[in-house]
Amino acid sequence: MSQSKLAKFLDLTDEQLEEFGIDEDSIHEDSGNSGDMVYSYYFNVPEDMDKEILEEKGWRIGDRIELPIWLFDKPDSPEEE
């Protein structure tokens, strides 16, 4: 099974994402004030995130991690098939 685009982008494994509860339910749309258009996606670093990952990424618990909109575009680009 190939690694998800989100895992590749964050340089984590799918297992690490699952372990720390980073999934579609924890990823939110940033649609600005109007709510008419999605500008990006984000998640907040969960409290149970591994300390080694926090140090490696420079993240702190509760940080907002921005994710580009193209990461969730469908269908996958040809080079990912």
PDB file of N, CA and C in Angstrom:
ATOM      1  N   MET A   1       0.848  -1.184   0.000  1.00  0.00           N
ATOM      2  CA  MET A   1       0.000   0.000   0.000  1.00  0.00           C
ATOM      3  C   MET A   1       0.890   1.243   0.000  1.00  0.00           C
ATOM      4  N   SER A   2       0.587   2.181  -0.863  1.00  0.00           N
ATOM      5  CA  SER A   2       1.423   3.370  -0.937  1.00  0.00           C
ATOM      6  C   SER A   2       1.065   4.363   0.171  1.00  0.00           C
ATOM      7  N   GLN A   3       2.016   5.173   0.482  1.00  0.00           N
ATOM      8  CA  GLN A   3       1.875   6.169   1.532  1.00  0.00           C
ATOM      9  C   GLN A   3       0.934   7.284   1.067  1.00  0.00           C
ATOM     10  N   SER A   4       0.106   7.794   1.974  1.00  0.00           N
ATOM     11  CA  SER A   4      -0.836   8.850   1.611  1.00  0.00           C
ATOM     12  C   SER A   4      -0.100  10.152   1.284  1.00  0.00           C
ATOM     13  N   LYS A   5      -0.783  11.009   0.521  1.00  0.00           N
ATOM     14  CA  LYS A   5      -0.202  12.307   0.177  1.00  0.00           C
ATOM     15  C   LYS A   5       0.063  13.122   1.441  1.00  0.00           C
ATOM     16  N   LEU A   6      -0.840  13.036   2.413  1.00  0.00           N
ATOM     17  CA  LEU A   6      -0.657  13.781   3.658  1.00  0.00           C
ATOM     18  C   LEU A   6       0.588  13.304   4.399  1.00  0.00           C
ATOM     19  N   ALA A   7       0.760  12.005   4.489  1.00  0.00           N
ATOM     20  CA  ALA A   7       1.941  11.457   5.165  1.00  0.00           C
ATOM     21  C   ALA A   7       3.220  11.882   4.444  1.00  0.00           C
ATOM     22  N   LYS A   8       3.206  11.823   3.123  1.00  0.00           N
ATOM     23  CA  LYS A   8       4.389  12.244   2.359  1.00  0.00           C
ATOM     24  C   LYS A   8       4.687  13.716   2.597  1.00  0.00           C
ATOM     25  N   PHE A   9       3.649  14.558   2.545  1.00  0.00           N
ATOM     26  CA  PHE A   9       3.836  15.994   2.720  1.00  0.00           C
ATOM     27  C   PHE A   9       4.426  16.315   4.097  1.00  0.00           C
ATOM     28  N   LEU A  10       3.946  15.626   5.133  1.00  0.00           N
ATOM     29  CA  LEU A  10       4.412  15.875   6.498  1.00  0.00           C
ATOM     30  C   LEU A  10       5.678  15.094   6.838  1.00  0.00           C
ATOM     31  N   ASP A  11       6.120  14.237   5.925  1.00  0.00           N
ATOM     32  CA  ASP A  11       7.274  13.368   6.134  1.00  0.00           C
ATOM     33  C   ASP A  11       7.083  12.496   7.376  1.00  0.00           C
ATOM     34  N   LEU A  12       5.880  11.908   7.439  1.00  0.00           N
ATOM     35  CA  LEU A  12       5.531  10.958   8.491  1.00  0.00           C
ATOM     36  C   LEU A  12       4.992   9.704   7.809  1.00  0.00           C
ATOM     37  N   THR A  13       4.804   8.661   8.573  1.00  0.00           N
ATOM     38  CA  THR A  13       4.189   7.460   8.028  1.00  0.00           C
ATOM     39  C   THR A  13       2.680   7.527   8.266  1.00  0.00           C
ATOM     40  N   ASP A  14       1.942   6.745   7.495  1.00  0.00           N
ATOM     41  CA  ASP A  14       0.505   6.658   7.724  1.00  0.00           C
ATOM     42  C   ASP A  14       0.215   6.116   9.123  1.00  0.00           C
ATOM     43  N   GLU A  15       1.066   5.234   9.593  1.00  0.00           N
ATOM     44  CA  GLU A  15       0.895   4.678  10.937  1.00  0.00           C
ATOM     45  C   GLU A  15       1.047   5.772  11.997  1.00  0.00           C
ATOM     46  N   GLN A  16       2.011   6.670  11.804  1.00  0.00           N
ATOM     47  CA  GLN A  16       2.181   7.773  12.758  1.00  0.00           C
ATOM     48  C   GLN A  16       0.961   8.695  12.733  1.00  0.00           C
ATOM     49  N   LEU A  17       0.446   8.997  11.547  1.00  0.00           N
ATOM     50  CA  LEU A  17      -0.751   9.830  11.453  1.00  0.00           C
ATOM     51  C   LEU A  17      -1.899   9.187  12.215  1.00  0.00           C
ATOM     52  N   GLU A  18      -2.077   7.896  12.010  1.00  0.00           N
ATOM     53  CA  GLU A  18      -3.153   7.174  12.678  1.00  0.00           C
ATOM     54  C   GLU A  18      -2.941   7.146  14.193  1.00  0.00           C
ATOM     55  N   GLU A  19      -1.714   6.887  14.607  1.00  0.00           N
ATOM     56  CA  GLU A  19      -1.394   6.808  16.037  1.00  0.00           C
ATOM     57  C   GLU A  19      -1.746   8.094  16.780  1.00  0.00           C
ATOM     58  N   PHE A  20      -1.531   9.238  16.126  1.00  0.00           N
ATOM     59  CA  PHE A  20      -1.761  10.518  16.788  1.00  0.00           C
ATOM     60  C   PHE A  20      -3.101  11.140  16.417  1.00  0.00           C
ATOM     61  N   GLY A  21      -3.933  10.383  15.708  1.00  0.00           N
ATOM     62  CA  GLY A  21      -5.280  10.833  15.412  1.00  0.00           C
ATOM     63  C   GLY A  21      -5.374  11.936  14.377  1.00  0.00           C
ATOM     64  N   ILE A  22      -4.389  12.023  13.512  1.00  0.00           N
ATOM     65  CA  ILE A  22      -4.440  13.015  12.436  1.00  0.00           C
ATOM     66  C   ILE A  22      -5.116  12.341  11.243  1.00  0.00           C
ATOM     67  N   ASP A  23      -6.391  12.650  11.077  1.00  0.00           N
ATOM     68  CA  ASP A  23      -7.178  12.058  10.004  1.00  0.00           C
ATOM     69  C   ASP A  23      -8.157  13.088   9.474  1.00  0.00           C
ATOM     70  N   GLU A  24      -9.041  12.670   8.587  1.00  0.00           N
ATOM     71  CA  GLU A  24      -9.969  13.616   7.961  1.00  0.00           C
ATOM     72  C   GLU A  24     -10.847  14.345   8.972  1.00  0.00           C
ATOM     73  N   ASP A  25     -11.087  13.743  10.137  1.00  0.00           N
ATOM     74  CA  ASP A  25     -11.903  14.401  11.158  1.00  0.00           C
ATOM     75  C   ASP A  25     -11.146  15.514  11.877  1.00  0.00           C
ATOM     76  N   SER A  26      -9.829  15.465  11.869  1.00  0.00           N
ATOM     77  CA  SER A  26      -9.035  16.479  12.576  1.00  0.00           C
ATOM     78  C   SER A  26      -8.507  17.564  11.636  1.00  0.00           C
ATOM     79  N   ILE A  27      -8.774  17.422  10.343  1.00  0.00           N
ATOM     80  CA  ILE A  27      -8.323  18.411   9.363  1.00  0.00           C
ATOM     81  C   ILE A  27      -9.491  19.338   9.038  1.00  0.00           C
ATOM     82  N   HIS A  28      -9.232  20.632   9.164  1.00  0.00           N
ATOM     83  CA  HIS A  28     -10.272  21.641   9.006  1.00  0.00           C
ATOM     84  C   HIS A  28     -10.013  22.515   7.786  1.00  0.00           C
ATOM     85  N   GLU A  29     -11.088  23.044   7.219  1.00  0.00           N
ATOM     86  CA  GLU A  29     -10.981  23.987   6.109  1.00  0.00           C
ATOM     87  C   GLU A  29     -10.728  25.383   6.645  1.00  0.00           C
ATOM     88  N   ASP A  30      -9.868  26.124   5.993  1.00  0.00           N
ATOM     89  CA  ASP A  30      -9.704  27.547   6.252  1.00  0.00           C
ATOM     90  C   ASP A  30     -10.401  28.258   5.103  1.00  0.00           C
ATOM     91  N   SER A  31     -11.615  28.728   5.378  1.00  0.00           N
ATOM     92  CA  SER A  31     -12.400  29.358   4.317  1.00  0.00           C
ATOM     93  C   SER A  31     -12.520  30.866   4.509  1.00  0.00           C
ATOM     94  N   GLY A  32     -11.637  31.426   5.316  1.00  0.00           N
ATOM     95  CA  GLY A  32     -11.620  32.876   5.489  1.00  0.00           C
ATOM     96  C   GLY A  32     -12.884  33.391   6.150  1.00  0.00           C
ATOM     97  N   ASN A  33     -13.053  34.681   6.109  1.00  0.00           N
ATOM     98  CA  ASN A  33     -14.197  35.306   6.754  1.00  0.00           C
ATOM     99  C   ASN A  33     -15.507  35.061   6.024  1.00  0.00           C
ATOM    100  N   SER A  34     -15.452  34.997   4.706  1.00  0.00           N
ATOM    101  CA  SER A  34     -16.683  34.857   3.927  1.00  0.00           C
ATOM    102  C   SER A  34     -17.231  33.432   3.976  1.00  0.00           C
ATOM    103  N   GLY A  35     -16.337  32.463   4.093  1.00  0.00           N
ATOM    104  CA  GLY A  35     -16.757  31.073   4.070  1.00  0.00           C
ATOM    105  C   GLY A  35     -17.108  30.579   2.674  1.00  0.00           C
ATOM    106  N   ASP A  36     -16.860  31.411   1.666  1.00  0.00           N
ATOM    107  CA  ASP A  36     -17.229  31.063   0.290  1.00  0.00           C
ATOM    108  C   ASP A  36     -16.189  30.225  -0.427  1.00  0.00           C
ATOM    109  N   MET A  37     -14.944  30.298  -0.005  1.00  0.00           N
ATOM    110  CA  MET A  37     -13.865  29.646  -0.737  1.00  0.00           C
ATOM    111  C   MET A  37     -12.867  29.046   0.251  1.00  0.00           C
ATOM    112  N   VAL A  38     -12.407  27.849  -0.045  1.00  0.00           N
ATOM    113  CA  VAL A  38     -11.404  27.206   0.803  1.00  0.00           C
ATOM    114  C   VAL A  38     -10.030  27.669   0.346  1.00  0.00           C
ATOM    115  N   TYR A  39      -9.276  28.249   1.282  1.00  0.00           N
ATOM    116  CA  TYR A  39      -7.936  28.757   0.974  1.00  0.00           C
ATOM    117  C   TYR A  39      -6.852  27.743   1.306  1.00  0.00           C
ATOM    118  N   SER A  40      -7.089  26.962   2.346  1.00  0.00           N
ATOM    119  CA  SER A  40      -6.133  25.938   2.755  1.00  0.00           C
ATOM    120  C   SER A  40      -6.842  25.025   3.744  1.00  0.00           C
ATOM    121  N   TYR A  41      -6.106  24.052   4.213  1.00  0.00           N
ATOM    122  CA  TYR A  41      -6.587  23.164   5.261  1.00  0.00           C
ATOM    123  C   TYR A  41      -5.574  23.222   6.391  1.00  0.00           C
ATOM    124  N   TYR A  42      -5.983  22.782   7.567  1.00  0.00           N
ATOM    125  CA  TYR A  42      -5.056  22.782   8.695  1.00  0.00           C
ATOM    126  C   TYR A  42      -5.480  21.759   9.735  1.00  0.00           C
ATOM    127  N   PHE A  43      -4.549  21.439  10.608  1.00  0.00           N
ATOM    128  CA  PHE A  43      -4.863  20.670  11.810  1.00  0.00           C
ATOM    129  C   PHE A  43      -4.046  21.258  12.943  1.00  0.00           C
ATOM    130  N   ASN A  44      -4.484  20.995  14.159  1.00  0.00           N
ATOM    131  CA  ASN A  44      -3.744  21.422  15.339  1.00  0.00           C
ATOM    132  C   ASN A  44      -2.981  20.229  15.882  1.00  0.00           C
ATOM    133  N   VAL A  45      -1.724  20.449  16.253  1.00  0.00           N
ATOM    134  CA  VAL A  45      -0.885  19.366  16.761  1.00  0.00           C
ATOM    135  C   VAL A  45      -1.528  18.810  18.033  1.00  0.00           C
ATOM    136  N   PRO A  46      -1.830  17.504  18.027  1.00  0.00           N
ATOM    137  CA  PRO A  46      -2.511  16.899  19.168  1.00  0.00           C
ATOM    138  C   PRO A  46      -1.617  16.767  20.405  1.00  0.00           C
ATOM    139  N   GLU A  47      -2.265  16.694  21.547  1.00  0.00           N
ATOM    140  CA  GLU A  47      -1.553  16.617  22.824  1.00  0.00           C
ATOM    141  C   GLU A  47      -0.706  15.365  22.961  1.00  0.00           C
ATOM    142  N   ASP A  48      -1.091  14.289  22.298  1.00  0.00           N
ATOM    143  CA  ASP A  48      -0.360  13.025  22.449  1.00  0.00           C
ATOM    144  C   ASP A  48       0.714  12.817  21.380  1.00  0.00           C
ATOM    145  N   MET A  49       1.078  13.898  20.679  1.00  0.00           N
ATOM    146  CA  MET A  49       2.115  13.791  19.634  1.00  0.00           C
ATOM    147  C   MET A  49       3.448  13.399  20.267  1.00  0.00           C
ATOM    148  N   ASP A  50       4.148  12.514  19.627  1.00  0.00           N
ATOM    149  CA  ASP A  50       5.446  12.021  20.080  1.00  0.00           C
ATOM    150  C   ASP A  50       6.451  13.171  20.212  1.00  0.00           C
ATOM    151  N   LYS A  51       7.179  13.199  21.323  1.00  0.00           N
ATOM    152  CA  LYS A  51       8.145  14.279  21.569  1.00  0.00           C
ATOM    153  C   LYS A  51       9.239  14.342  20.508  1.00  0.00           C
ATOM    154  N   GLU A  52       9.673  13.200  20.011  1.00  0.00           N
ATOM    155  CA  GLU A  52      10.705  13.187  18.970  1.00  0.00           C
ATOM    156  C   GLU A  52      10.200  13.856  17.695  1.00  0.00           C
ATOM    157  N   ILE A  53       8.946  13.588  17.339  1.00  0.00           N
ATOM    158  CA  ILE A  53       8.368  14.219  16.148  1.00  0.00           C
ATOM    159  C   ILE A  53       8.231  15.720  16.376  1.00  0.00           C
ATOM    160  N   LEU A  54       7.793  16.115  17.563  1.00  0.00           N
ATOM    161  CA  LEU A  54       7.677  17.544  17.877  1.00  0.00           C
ATOM    162  C   LEU A  54       9.010  18.244  17.680  1.00  0.00           C
ATOM    163  N   GLU A  55      10.067  17.659  18.207  1.00  0.00           N
ATOM    164  CA  GLU A  55      11.399  18.252  18.084  1.00  0.00           C
ATOM    165  C   GLU A  55      11.857  18.284  16.630  1.00  0.00           C
ATOM    166  N   GLU A  56      11.664  17.172  15.924  1.00  0.00           N
ATOM    167  CA  GLU A  56      12.105  17.065  14.527  1.00  0.00           C
ATOM    168  C   GLU A  56      11.399  18.088  13.643  1.00  0.00           C
ATOM    169  N   LYS A  57      10.101  18.279  13.872  1.00  0.00           N
ATOM    170  CA  LYS A  57       9.309  19.184  13.031  1.00  0.00           C
ATOM    171  C   LYS A  57       9.329  20.630  13.520  1.00  0.00           C
ATOM    172  N   GLY A  58       9.759  20.835  14.762  1.00  0.00           N
ATOM    173  CA  GLY A  58       9.718  22.185  15.329  1.00  0.00           C
ATOM    174  C   GLY A  58       8.301  22.593  15.727  1.00  0.00           C
ATOM    175  N   TRP A  59       7.459  21.599  15.974  1.00  0.00           N
ATOM    176  CA  TRP A  59       6.075  21.843  16.350  1.00  0.00           C
ATOM    177  C   TRP A  59       5.941  21.885  17.864  1.00  0.00           C
ATOM    178  N   ARG A  60       4.882  22.535  18.323  1.00  0.00           N
ATOM    179  CA  ARG A  60       4.480  22.495  19.729  1.00  0.00           C
ATOM    180  C   ARG A  60       3.031  22.036  19.786  1.00  0.00           C
ATOM    181  N   ILE A  61       2.657  21.440  20.873  1.00  0.00           N
ATOM    182  CA  ILE A  61       1.280  20.989  21.041  1.00  0.00           C
ATOM    183  C   ILE A  61       0.348  22.180  20.870  1.00  0.00           C
ATOM    184  N   GLY A  62      -0.681  21.985  20.051  1.00  0.00           N
ATOM    185  CA  GLY A  62      -1.652  23.031  19.780  1.00  0.00           C
ATOM    186  C   GLY A  62      -1.323  23.909  18.585  1.00  0.00           C
ATOM    187  N   ASP A  63      -0.091  23.808  18.056  1.00  0.00           N
ATOM    188  CA  ASP A  63       0.261  24.595  16.867  1.00  0.00           C
ATOM    189  C   ASP A  63      -0.699  24.281  15.728  1.00  0.00           C
ATOM    190  N   ARG A  64      -0.976  25.297  14.935  1.00  0.00           N
ATOM    191  CA  ARG A  64      -1.788  25.122  13.736  1.00  0.00           C
ATOM    192  C   ARG A  64      -0.839  24.825  12.577  1.00  0.00           C
ATOM    193  N   ILE A  65      -1.023  23.669  11.953  1.00  0.00           N
ATOM    194  CA  ILE A  65      -0.188  23.242  10.826  1.00  0.00           C
ATOM    195  C   ILE A  65      -1.005  23.412   9.552  1.00  0.00           C
ATOM    196  N   GLU A  66      -0.537  24.310   8.706  1.00  0.00           N
ATOM    197  CA  GLU A  66      -1.218  24.607   7.446  1.00  0.00           C
ATOM    198  C   GLU A  66      -0.916  23.533   6.401  1.00  0.00           C
ATOM    199  N   LEU A  67      -1.940  23.180   5.660  1.00  0.00           N
ATOM    200  CA  LEU A  67      -1.817  22.193   4.592  1.00  0.00           C
ATOM    201  C   LEU A  67      -2.323  22.824   3.300  1.00  0.00           C
ATOM    202  N   PRO A  68      -1.578  22.716   2.219  1.00  0.00           N
ATOM    203  CA  PRO A  68      -2.005  23.346   0.962  1.00  0.00           C
ATOM    204  C   PRO A  68      -3.255  22.673   0.395  1.00  0.00           C
ATOM    205  N   ILE A  69      -4.040  23.464  -0.291  1.00  0.00           N
ATOM    206  CA  ILE A  69      -5.296  22.969  -0.858  1.00  0.00           C
ATOM    207  C   ILE A  69      -5.062  21.859  -1.877  1.00  0.00           C
ATOM    208  N   TRP A  70      -3.956  21.946  -2.633  1.00  0.00           N
ATOM    209  CA  TRP A  70      -3.694  20.932  -3.667  1.00  0.00           C
ATOM    210  C   TRP A  70      -3.492  19.546  -3.082  1.00  0.00           C
ATOM    211  N   LEU A  71      -3.165  19.486  -1.800  1.00  0.00           N
ATOM    212  CA  LEU A  71      -2.938  18.195  -1.157  1.00  0.00           C
ATOM    213  C   LEU A  71      -4.208  17.348  -1.152  1.00  0.00           C
ATOM    214  N   PHE A  72      -5.351  18.009  -1.229  1.00  0.00           N
ATOM    215  CA  PHE A  72      -6.627  17.308  -1.156  1.00  0.00           C
ATOM    216  C   PHE A  72      -7.386  17.325  -2.473  1.00  0.00           C
ATOM    217  N   ASP A  73      -6.732  17.808  -3.537  1.00  0.00           N
ATOM    218  CA  ASP A  73      -7.352  17.786  -4.858  1.00  0.00           C
ATOM    219  C   ASP A  73      -7.573  16.344  -5.303  1.00  0.00           C
ATOM    220  N   LYS A  74      -8.651  16.139  -6.025  1.00  0.00           N
ATOM    221  CA  LYS A  74      -8.925  14.825  -6.599  1.00  0.00           C
ATOM    222  C   LYS A  74      -9.217  15.026  -8.059  1.00  0.00           C
ATOM    223  N   PRO A  75      -8.889  14.140  -8.929  1.00  0.00           N
ATOM    224  CA  PRO A  75      -8.139  12.914  -8.674  1.00  0.00           C
ATOM    225  C   PRO A  75      -6.657  13.175  -8.463  1.00  0.00           C
ATOM    226  N   ASP A  76      -5.958  12.128  -8.045  1.00  0.00           N
ATOM    227  CA  ASP A  76      -4.512  12.237  -7.861  1.00  0.00           C
ATOM    228  C   ASP A  76      -3.857  12.594  -9.174  1.00  0.00           C
ATOM    229  N   SER A  77      -2.749  13.308  -9.068  1.00  0.00           N
ATOM    230  CA  SER A  77      -2.022  13.671 -10.282  1.00  0.00           C
ATOM    231  C   SER A  77      -1.414  12.411 -10.909  1.00  0.00           C
ATOM    232  N   PRO A  78      -1.173  12.420 -12.216  1.00  0.00           N
ATOM    233  CA  PRO A  78      -0.681  11.221 -12.919  1.00  0.00           C
ATOM    234  C   PRO A  78       0.602  10.655 -12.340  1.00  0.00           C
ATOM    235  N   GLU A  79       1.504  11.512 -11.868  1.00  0.00           N
ATOM    236  CA  GLU A  79       2.757  10.967 -11.351  1.00  0.00           C
ATOM    237  C   GLU A  79       2.580  10.206 -10.040  1.00  0.00           C
ATOM    238  N   GLU A  80       1.405  10.326  -9.399  1.00  0.00           N
ATOM    239  CA  GLU A  80       1.163   9.598  -8.161  1.00  0.00           C
ATOM    240  C   GLU A  80       0.451   8.281  -8.406  1.00  0.00           C
ATOM    241  N   GLU A  81       0.024   8.022  -9.609  1.00  0.00           N
ATOM    242  CA  GLU A  81      -0.720   6.788  -9.890  1.00  0.00           C
ATOM    243  C   GLU A  81       0.197   5.615 -10.055  1.00  0.00           C
TER     244      GLU A  81
END
